[in-house]
Structures are given as structure tokens and as C-alpha cells.
C-alpha atoms as a PDB file:
ATOM      1  CA  MET A   1     141.357 103.956 120.501  1.00  0.00           C
ATOM      2  CA  ILE A   2     139.179 100.857 120.390  1.00  0.00           C
ATOM      3  CA  TYR A   3     137.332 101.882 123.553  1.00  0.00           C
ATOM      4  CA  ALA A   4     136.597 105.298 122.052  1.00  0.00           C
ATOM      5  CA  ALA A   5     135.254 103.756 118.849  1.00  0.00           C
ATOM      6  CA  VAL A   6     133.003 101.339 120.755  1.00  0.00           C
ATOM      7  CA  THR A   7     131.732 104.085 123.032  1.00  0.00           C
ATOM      8  CA  MET A   8     130.966 106.428 120.134  1.00  0.00           C
ATOM      9  CA  SER A   9     129.251 103.666 118.206  1.00  0.00           C
ATOM     10  CA  GLN A  10     127.023 102.779 121.144  1.00  0.00           C
ATOM     11  CA  LEU A  11     126.223 106.384 121.967  1.00  0.00           C
ATOM     12  CA  LEU A  12     125.218 107.109 118.389  1.00  0.00           C
ATOM     13  CA  CYS A  13     123.255 103.922 117.690  1.00  0.00           C
ATOM     14  CA  LEU A  14     121.172 103.807 120.861  1.00  0.00           C
ATOM     15  CA  PRO A  15     119.420 107.175 120.397  1.00  0.00           C
ATOM     16  CA  VAL A  16     118.689 106.367 116.755  1.00  0.00           C
ATOM     17  CA  PHE A  17     117.183 103.006 117.725  1.00  0.00           C
ATOM     18  CA  LEU A  18     115.130 104.497 120.557  1.00  0.00           C
ATOM     19  CA  GLY A  19     113.996 107.301 118.265  1.00  0.00           C
ATOM     20  CA  VAL A  20     112.677 104.795 115.728  1.00  0.00           C
ATOM     21  CA  VAL A  21     110.845 102.907 118.477  1.00  0.00           C
ATOM     22  CA  TYR A  22     109.307 106.150 119.747  1.00  0.00           C
ATOM     23  CA  ILE A  23     108.393 107.621 116.340  1.00  0.00           C
ATOM     24  CA  GLN A  24     106.865 104.393 115.035  1.00  0.00           C
ATOM     25  CA  ASP A  25     105.021 103.928 118.365  1.00  0.00           C
ATOM     26  CA  LEU A  26     106.303 100.360 118.699  1.00  0.00           C
ATOM     27  CA  THR A  27     105.721  98.332 121.833  1.00  0.00           C
ATOM     28  CA  TRP A  28     108.754  97.681 124.013  1.00  0.00           C
ATOM     29  CA  ASP A  29     108.801  94.190 125.549  1.00  0.00           C
ATOM     30  CA  PHE A  30     112.538  93.762 126.012  1.00  0.00           C
ATOM     31  CA  SER A  31     113.345  95.541 129.262  1.00  0.00           C
ATOM     32  CA  ALA A  32     114.719  92.435 130.980  1.00  0.00           C
ATOM     33  CA  GLU A  33     116.946  91.547 128.031  1.00  0.00           C
ATOM     34  CA  VAL A  34     118.331  95.071 127.760  1.00  0.00           C
ATOM     35  CA  LEU A  35     118.963  95.201 131.493  1.00  0.00           C
ATOM     36  CA  ILE A  36     120.947  91.942 131.334  1.00  0.00           C
ATOM     37  CA  ILE A  37     122.995  93.205 128.384  1.00  0.00           C
ATOM     38  CA  VAL A  38     123.844  96.372 130.321  1.00  0.00           C
ATOM     39  CA  ILE A  39     124.813  94.358 133.406  1.00  0.00           C
ATOM     40  CA  VAL A  40     127.069  92.014 131.410  1.00  0.00           C
ATOM     41  CA  CYS A  41     128.671  94.913 129.524  1.00  0.00           C
ATOM     42  CA  LEU A  42     129.330  96.757 132.773  1.00  0.00           C
ATOM     43  CA  ALA A  43     130.794  93.652 134.408  1.00  0.00           C
ATOM     44  CA  VAL A  44     133.160  92.917 131.525  1.00  0.00           C
ATOM     45  CA  GLY A  45     133.940  96.604 131.071  1.00  0.00           C
ATOM     46  CA  PHE A  46     134.747  96.906 134.781  1.00  0.00           C
ATOM     47  CA  PHE A  47     137.506  94.322 134.457  1.00  0.00           C
ATOM     48  CA  ALA A  48     138.832  95.788 131.222  1.00  0.00           C
ATOM     49  CA  SER A  49     138.805  99.414 132.347  1.00  0.00           C
ATOM     50  CA  PHE A  50     141.598  99.006 134.870  1.00  0.00           C
ATOM     51  CA  ARG A  51     144.106  97.423 132.482  1.00  0.00           C
ATOM     52  CA  THR A  52     145.918  98.511 129.362  1.00  0.00           C
ATOM     53  CA  SER A  53     146.134  94.940 128.096  1.00  0.00           C
ATOM     54  CA  ILE A  54     143.343  92.463 128.663  1.00  0.00           C
ATOM     55  CA  PRO A  55     144.536  89.285 130.412  1.00  0.00           C
ATOM     56  CA  LEU A  56     143.334  85.827 129.493  1.00  0.00           C
ATOM     57  CA  TRP A  57     141.419  85.316 132.745  1.00  0.00           C
ATOM     58  CA  THR A  58     138.875  87.953 131.746  1.00  0.00           C
ATOM     59  CA  CYS A  59     137.549  85.581 129.105  1.00  0.00           C
ATOM     60  CA  LEU A  60     136.620  83.233 131.947  1.00  0.00           C
ATOM     61  CA  VAL A  61     134.521  85.994 133.470  1.00  0.00           C
ATOM     62  CA  ALA A  62     132.825  86.644 130.124  1.00  0.00           C
ATOM     63  CA  TYR A  63     132.197  82.915 129.575  1.00  0.00           C
ATOM     64  CA  ALA A  64     130.795  82.594 133.089  1.00  0.00           C
ATOM     65  CA  LEU A  65     128.346  85.420 132.415  1.00  0.00           C
ATOM     66  CA  TYR A  66     127.042  83.681 129.280  1.00  0.00           C
ATOM     67  CA  PRO A  67     124.971  80.948 131.028  1.00  0.00           C
ATOM     68  CA  PHE A  68     124.117  83.407 133.799  1.00  0.00           C
ATOM     69  CA  SER A  69     122.412  85.782 131.340  1.00  0.00           C
ATOM     70  CA  PRO A  70     119.513  83.570 130.118  1.00  0.00           C
ATOM     71  CA  LEU A  71     118.946  82.421 133.676  1.00  0.00           C
ATOM     72  CA  LEU A  72     118.645  85.994 134.879  1.00  0.00           C
ATOM     73  CA  VAL A  73     116.339  86.870 131.967  1.00  0.00           C
ATOM     74  CA  TYR A  74     114.093  83.973 132.975  1.00  0.00           C
ATOM     75  CA  VAL A  75     114.039  85.181 136.581  1.00  0.00           C
ATOM     76  CA  LEU A  76     113.211  88.749 135.536  1.00  0.00           C
ATOM     77  CA  ASP A  77     110.499  87.681 133.082  1.00  0.00           C
ATOM     78  CA  TYR A  78     108.705  84.962 135.023  1.00  0.00           C
ATOM     79  CA  VAL A  79     109.605  85.258 138.692  1.00  0.00           C
ATOM     80  CA  ILE A  80     109.769  88.992 139.369  1.00  0.00           C
END
């Protein structure tokens, strides 16, 4: 039930947000940040999708991705 609520929330909010950006003709300078958020969400969601209860070790994966995220944003913004 929680997964369904999160999925519906994300699927409804993203088009509204992108519609506002498009209608207002705003500049989009956050591609690297959005890409990292999607990668982290997919990584954590991958571990959680195969279990009915989330074990404690998955928090270690999520905590490990936290310092990895700004580093990857830096690489995408300034190196690539």
C-alpha cells in the first residue's frame, strides 16, 4: 500500500512540475541532480522491491549512496 501511494504521488507530481517549467519557459539546469536522484531511487528501490519487509542492512546501502551522490553530481557537472 505504501509503494502504491509513493508511486502515485511521484507520477502525479512530476508531470505537474514539468508542465509548470514548460509553460513558464523556465531554464532547466538540474539534469545532473535529477539523474542522480533517479539512480539513487532505483538502487534503493531495487533492494526493497524483492522483499516484503525491509531489512536493516538496506539502510547501509542508502547511507553509502549519500556521500556518493554529491561526488557523482560534481563529476557530471565539471568533469563530463
